[in-house]
Amino acid sequence: MGEEEKNLGQRIAEARKAAGLTQQVLCQKAGLSYSTLAKIERGAIKAPSIFTISQIASAVNVSLETLAGTVDNKETTKSKKRQSKSGIRFVFFDVNGCLVRFFHRAFSRLAAESGVPADVIETAFWHYNDEVCKGQLSIEEFNRKTAERIGIASMDWQKYYLEAVDPIPQMQELLSWAAGPYQVGLMTNIMPGFLEAMLKKGLIPNVNYDTIIDSSKVGHIKPEHQIYEIAQKQTGCKPEEILLVDDSRANVMAAERAGWHVLWFDDYRPSESAKNVRTALEPAE
């Protein structure tokens, strides 16, 4: 067992205890299995993914840098990354509506298979969407409640979602590029387990994310101010060093109020929006 893995496990165990959480409660908050967390804490898993460490960091409310043990090398890490003319060091990308499209295709497919009008399905979907994206409702409960509301026996929303996902190439290429010179992360309102499934299926770029803010893990959704506070803490950056790229005006306005840089993604002009982000990330002299 390497000293690095042992130290990571110790840091996680200490952060969990400081937060007053048992292993079981942390597993629930972070969406991990008990065996996975136990192995990480005792150092048996050599290299937990950044996604897993980010989930744990969010659940125990410490920065990713602190948990990963890179806090002492903070300036060294930043020096290896670029800073834009406007002071941006960290870029958060939204997922749904920014990196991928899915809504209309998913609703249309479910409507065609169930015989229920798409507008009825969409109304039921939005009725429960915030709850499930905050992790207050499991995906199983969401499926059951939505099926009951639209009058069908059962449904598997994740299936329809994954089949309907349509990557937005301009933004995916931009994210892959930005991950080189800048620190990057995902910040998304999303249902439990969906982000992991998308990463596994290659539906979003598999880059070295510095942090991932999954609403269903942190218990808050954009544009609630708490999620921006959690996200900023995870980056280890100042507000004025963070950029959010998002397709929701409400979300970018909330980020602006938090002191972040913001760019609104226009789904109808993806190339133009991607170009605007690249311009915002022009390096400092």
Protein backbone atom coordinates (compact mmCIF):
# COMPACT_ATOMS: atom_id res chain seq x y z
CA MET A 1 0.00 0.00 0.00
CA GLY A 2 1.46 3.37 -1.05
CA GLU A 3 1.88 6.19 1.45
CA GLU A 4 -0.03 8.55 -0.85
CA GLU A 5 -3.13 6.31 -0.91
CA LYS A 6 -2.91 5.79 2.84
CA ASN A 7 -2.74 9.54 3.43
CA LEU A 8 -5.72 10.18 1.16
CA GLY A 9 -7.74 7.61 3.07
CA GLN A 10 -6.73 9.16 6.37
CA ARG A 11 -7.69 12.63 5.17
CA ILE A 12 -11.08 11.38 4.05
CA ALA A 13 -11.70 9.58 7.34
CA GLU A 14 -10.66 12.67 9.33
CA ALA A 15 -12.84 14.99 7.21
CA ARG A 16 -15.79 12.61 7.59
CA LYS A 17 -15.43 12.49 11.37
CA ALA A 18 -14.97 16.27 11.57
CA ALA A 19 -18.25 16.63 9.67
CA GLY A 20 -19.92 14.30 12.18
CA LEU A 21 -20.74 11.67 9.56
CA THR A 22 -20.64 7.90 9.84
CA GLN A 23 -19.39 5.93 6.87
CA GLN A 24 -22.97 4.93 6.08
CA VAL A 25 -24.23 8.52 6.06
CA LEU A 26 -21.29 9.72 3.95
CA CYS A 27 -22.02 6.93 1.46
CA GLN A 28 -25.61 8.14 1.16
CA LYS A 29 -24.60 11.78 0.72
CA ALA A 30 -21.83 11.03 -1.78
CA GLY A 31 -23.62 8.29 -3.69
CA LEU A 32 -20.97 5.65 -2.95
CA SER A 33 -21.21 2.05 -1.88
CA TYR A 34 -20.09 1.23 1.66
CA SER A 35 -17.39 -1.15 0.40
CA THR A 36 -15.91 1.51 -1.90
CA LEU A 37 -15.66 4.10 0.87
CA ALA A 38 -14.23 1.57 3.33
CA LYS A 39 -11.55 0.57 0.82
CA ILE A 40 -10.64 4.19 0.09
CA GLU A 41 -10.33 5.06 3.77
CA ARG A 42 -8.00 2.15 4.46
CA GLY A 43 -5.97 2.85 1.31
CA ALA A 44 -6.93 -0.30 -0.58
CA ILE A 45 -8.06 1.64 -3.66
CA LYS A 46 -4.93 3.08 -5.18
CA ALA A 47 -6.36 5.83 -7.34
CA PRO A 48 -9.96 6.89 -6.71
CA SER A 49 -11.30 8.94 -9.61
CA ILE A 50 -11.45 12.72 -9.33
CA PHE A 51 -15.21 12.31 -9.61
CA THR A 52 -15.30 10.14 -6.49
CA ILE A 53 -13.01 12.44 -4.50
CA SER A 54 -15.09 15.42 -5.59
CA GLN A 55 -18.30 13.72 -4.41
CA ILE A 56 -16.76 13.02 -1.01
CA ALA A 57 -15.36 16.55 -0.72
CA SER A 58 -18.79 18.03 -1.42
CA ALA A 59 -20.45 15.73 1.10
CA VAL A 60 -18.04 16.63 3.92
CA ASN A 61 -17.92 20.30 2.87
CA VAL A 62 -14.19 20.70 2.33
CA SER A 63 -12.31 21.81 -0.77
CA LEU A 64 -11.15 19.25 -3.28
CA GLU A 65 -7.60 20.53 -2.86
CA THR A 66 -7.70 19.92 0.89
CA LEU A 67 -9.08 16.42 0.55
CA ALA A 68 -6.74 15.46 -2.28
CA GLY A 69 -3.77 16.77 -0.32
CA THR A 70 -2.72 19.36 -2.87
CA VAL A 71 -3.46 22.40 -0.74
CA ASP A 72 0.20 22.91 0.09
CA ASN A 73 1.02 22.90 -3.60
CA LYS A 74 -1.79 25.30 -4.49
CA GLU A 75 0.41 28.00 -5.98
CA THR A 76 2.53 25.44 -7.83
CA THR A 77 -0.58 23.88 -9.31
CA LYS A 78 -1.97 27.25 -10.35
CA SER A 79 1.35 28.29 -11.87
CA LYS A 80 1.06 25.38 -14.27
CA LYS A 81 -2.31 26.65 -15.43
CA ARG A 82 -3.03 29.72 -17.47
CA GLN A 83 -4.75 32.86 -16.29
CA SER A 84 -6.81 34.84 -18.80
CA LYS A 85 -6.52 38.57 -19.37
CA SER A 86 -9.63 39.03 -17.24
CA GLY A 87 -8.18 36.90 -14.41
CA ILE A 88 -10.01 33.61 -15.09
CA ARG A 89 -8.29 30.47 -13.83
CA PHE A 90 -11.21 28.05 -13.46
CA VAL A 91 -14.00 27.30 -15.95
CA PHE A 92 -17.23 25.55 -14.98
CA PHE A 93 -19.28 24.04 -17.80
CA ASP A 94 -22.98 23.27 -17.50
CA VAL A 95 -24.02 19.88 -18.93
CA ASN A 96 -27.67 19.76 -20.01
CA GLY A 97 -28.29 22.39 -22.65
CA CYS A 98 -24.61 23.28 -22.89
CA LEU A 99 -22.57 20.13 -23.51
CA VAL A 100 -25.55 18.00 -24.59
CA ARG A 101 -29.17 18.33 -25.73
CA PHE A 102 -31.80 15.78 -24.81
CA PHE A 103 -35.18 17.16 -23.70
CA HIS A 104 -37.32 17.19 -26.81
CA ARG A 105 -36.08 13.88 -28.20
CA ALA A 106 -36.58 12.13 -24.86
CA PHE A 107 -40.09 13.51 -24.40
CA SER A 108 -41.03 12.68 -27.99
CA ARG A 109 -39.78 9.10 -27.73
CA LEU A 110 -41.59 8.45 -24.46
CA ALA A 111 -44.74 10.01 -25.92
CA ALA A 112 -44.56 7.79 -29.01
CA GLU A 113 -44.09 4.62 -26.95
CA SER A 114 -46.65 5.42 -24.26
CA GLY A 115 -49.32 7.18 -26.28
CA VAL A 116 -49.29 10.06 -23.77
CA PRO A 117 -49.03 13.58 -25.29
CA ALA A 118 -45.55 15.06 -25.02
CA ASP A 119 -46.83 18.19 -23.26
CA VAL A 120 -48.41 16.05 -20.52
CA ILE A 121 -45.14 14.18 -20.05
CA GLU A 122 -43.10 17.39 -19.95
CA THR A 123 -45.44 18.96 -17.37
CA ALA A 124 -45.10 15.89 -15.12
CA PHE A 125 -41.33 15.86 -15.61
CA TRP A 126 -40.86 19.44 -14.45
CA HIS A 127 -43.22 18.86 -11.53
CA TYR A 128 -40.64 16.54 -9.90
CA ASN A 129 -37.41 17.60 -11.59
CA ASP A 130 -36.09 19.95 -8.87
CA GLU A 131 -36.65 17.38 -6.12
CA VAL A 132 -34.82 14.59 -7.88
CA CYS A 133 -31.98 16.87 -9.00
CA LYS A 134 -31.48 17.91 -5.36
CA GLY A 135 -31.28 14.27 -4.33
CA GLN A 136 -34.49 14.63 -2.30
CA LEU A 137 -36.18 12.09 -4.55
CA SER A 138 -34.50 8.92 -5.82
CA ILE A 139 -34.64 8.15 -9.52
CA GLU A 140 -36.82 5.15 -8.68
CA GLU A 141 -39.28 7.41 -6.87
CA PHE A 142 -39.16 9.90 -9.73
CA ASN A 143 -39.98 7.16 -12.24
CA ARG A 144 -42.87 5.90 -10.13
CA LYS A 145 -44.38 9.31 -9.41
CA THR A 146 -44.04 10.50 -13.00
CA ALA A 147 -45.52 7.29 -14.39
CA GLU A 148 -48.47 7.59 -12.04
CA ARG A 149 -48.98 11.22 -12.98
CA ILE A 150 -49.08 10.56 -16.72
CA GLY A 151 -51.09 7.36 -16.34
CA ILE A 152 -48.70 4.60 -17.40
CA ALA A 153 -47.60 1.48 -15.53
CA SER A 154 -43.87 2.28 -15.32
CA MET A 155 -41.00 4.15 -16.95
CA ASP A 156 -37.21 4.31 -16.95
CA TRP A 157 -36.28 7.94 -17.45
CA GLN A 158 -32.53 7.29 -17.47
CA LYS A 159 -33.00 4.97 -20.46
CA TYR A 160 -34.86 7.64 -22.45
CA TYR A 161 -32.39 10.29 -21.35
CA LEU A 162 -29.26 8.37 -22.39
CA GLU A 163 -30.78 7.33 -25.71
CA ALA A 164 -31.78 10.92 -26.48
CA VAL A 165 -28.53 12.65 -25.52
CA ASP A 166 -27.16 14.62 -28.43
CA PRO A 167 -23.64 15.98 -27.83
CA ILE A 168 -22.98 19.59 -28.83
CA PRO A 169 -19.62 19.19 -30.62
CA GLN A 170 -18.55 22.85 -30.48
CA MET A 171 -18.81 22.92 -26.71
CA GLN A 172 -17.34 19.47 -26.16
CA GLU A 173 -14.34 20.44 -28.28
CA LEU A 174 -14.05 23.67 -26.30
CA LEU A 175 -14.09 21.83 -22.98
CA SER A 176 -11.42 19.40 -24.16
CA TRP A 177 -9.27 22.34 -25.25
CA ALA A 178 -9.83 24.35 -22.04
CA ALA A 179 -8.83 21.38 -19.87
CA GLY A 180 -5.25 21.83 -21.08
CA PRO A 181 -4.37 25.37 -20.05
CA TYR A 182 -7.12 25.95 -17.48
CA GLN A 183 -8.63 24.27 -14.46
CA VAL A 184 -12.05 22.96 -15.50
CA GLY A 185 -15.09 21.42 -13.85
CA LEU A 186 -18.69 20.43 -14.43
CA MET A 187 -21.50 22.18 -12.57
CA THR A 188 -24.84 20.65 -13.37
CA ASN A 189 -28.43 20.22 -12.24
CA ILE A 190 -28.80 16.50 -12.86
CA MET A 191 -30.51 13.38 -11.53
CA PRO A 192 -28.67 10.81 -9.37
CA GLY A 193 -26.37 8.52 -11.32
CA PHE A 194 -26.86 10.24 -14.67
CA LEU A 195 -23.50 12.00 -14.77
CA GLU A 196 -21.61 8.81 -14.01
CA ALA A 197 -23.55 7.02 -16.77
CA MET A 198 -22.74 9.77 -19.26
CA LEU A 199 -19.03 9.67 -18.41
CA LYS A 200 -18.96 5.88 -18.77
CA LYS A 201 -20.73 6.01 -22.14
CA GLY A 202 -18.43 8.74 -23.43
CA LEU A 203 -21.29 11.21 -23.90
CA ILE A 204 -19.26 14.00 -22.33
CA PRO A 205 -15.49 14.52 -22.61
CA ASN A 206 -13.37 12.27 -20.41
CA VAL A 207 -10.86 14.91 -19.36
CA ASN A 208 -9.11 15.44 -16.04
CA TYR A 209 -11.81 17.47 -14.29
CA ASP A 210 -10.52 19.45 -11.35
CA THR A 211 -13.91 19.23 -9.64
CA ILE A 212 -17.46 18.13 -10.42
CA ILE A 213 -20.49 19.75 -8.81
CA ASP A 214 -23.40 17.32 -9.20
CA SER A 215 -26.59 18.86 -7.79
CA SER A 216 -27.93 15.49 -6.65
CA LYS A 217 -24.79 15.02 -4.53
CA VAL A 218 -24.53 18.49 -2.99
CA GLY A 219 -28.28 18.86 -2.33
CA HIS A 220 -28.69 22.20 -4.13
CA ILE A 221 -29.46 23.26 -7.68
CA LYS A 222 -28.60 26.30 -9.72
CA PRO A 223 -29.57 29.13 -9.29
CA GLU A 224 -29.60 28.58 -5.48
CA HIS A 225 -26.73 30.56 -3.94
CA GLN A 226 -25.56 27.59 -1.84
CA ILE A 227 -24.39 25.61 -4.87
CA TYR A 228 -22.16 28.49 -5.99
CA GLU A 229 -20.64 28.71 -2.51
CA ILE A 230 -19.94 24.97 -2.54
CA ALA A 231 -18.49 25.15 -6.04
CA GLN A 232 -16.20 28.06 -5.24
CA LYS A 233 -14.87 26.29 -2.16
CA GLN A 234 -14.15 23.22 -4.28
CA THR A 235 -12.05 25.23 -6.75
CA GLY A 236 -9.85 26.93 -4.18
CA CYS A 237 -10.13 30.07 -6.34
CA LYS A 238 -11.42 33.55 -5.67
CA PRO A 239 -14.85 34.42 -7.15
CA GLU A 240 -13.29 36.69 -9.76
CA GLU A 241 -11.12 33.81 -10.98
CA ILE A 242 -14.09 31.60 -11.94
CA LEU A 243 -16.08 31.51 -15.19
CA LEU A 244 -19.45 29.76 -15.58
CA VAL A 245 -20.68 28.79 -19.05
CA ASP A 246 -24.39 27.97 -18.86
CA ASP A 247 -27.48 28.06 -21.10
CA SER A 248 -29.78 29.37 -18.34
CA ARG A 249 -29.91 33.12 -17.83
CA ALA A 250 -31.09 32.62 -14.23
CA ASN A 251 -28.03 30.47 -13.54
CA VAL A 252 -25.54 32.91 -15.01
CA MET A 253 -27.15 35.84 -13.19
CA ALA A 254 -26.81 33.98 -9.88
CA ALA A 255 -23.14 33.29 -10.66
CA GLU A 256 -22.61 36.94 -11.51
CA ARG A 257 -24.10 37.93 -8.15
CA ALA A 258 -21.57 35.58 -6.54
CA GLY A 259 -18.78 37.58 -8.20
CA TRP A 260 -18.01 35.09 -10.99
CA HIS A 261 -17.40 35.75 -14.66
CA VAL A 262 -20.28 34.42 -16.76
CA LEU A 263 -21.07 33.61 -20.38
CA TRP A 264 -24.50 32.59 -21.58
CA PHE A 265 -24.48 29.69 -24.03
CA ASP A 266 -26.86 30.18 -26.97
CA ASP A 267 -27.99 26.76 -28.19
CA TYR A 268 -29.07 28.29 -31.49
CA ARG A 269 -25.57 29.70 -32.10
CA PRO A 270 -23.20 27.12 -30.58
CA SER A 271 -20.19 28.07 -32.71
CA GLU A 272 -20.56 31.73 -31.84
CA SER A 273 -20.96 30.91 -28.13
CA ALA A 274 -17.87 28.66 -28.16
CA LYS A 275 -15.91 31.43 -29.87
CA ASN A 276 -16.99 33.89 -27.16
CA VAL A 277 -15.66 31.54 -24.47
CA ARG A 278 -12.32 31.20 -26.25
CA THR A 279 -12.09 34.98 -26.48
CA ALA A 280 -12.79 35.29 -22.75
CA LEU A 281 -9.97 32.81 -22.11
CA GLU A 282 -7.32 34.67 -24.07
CA PRO A 283 -4.17 34.41 -21.92
CA ALA A 284 -2.68 37.26 -19.96
CA GLU A 285 0.51 38.69 -21.41
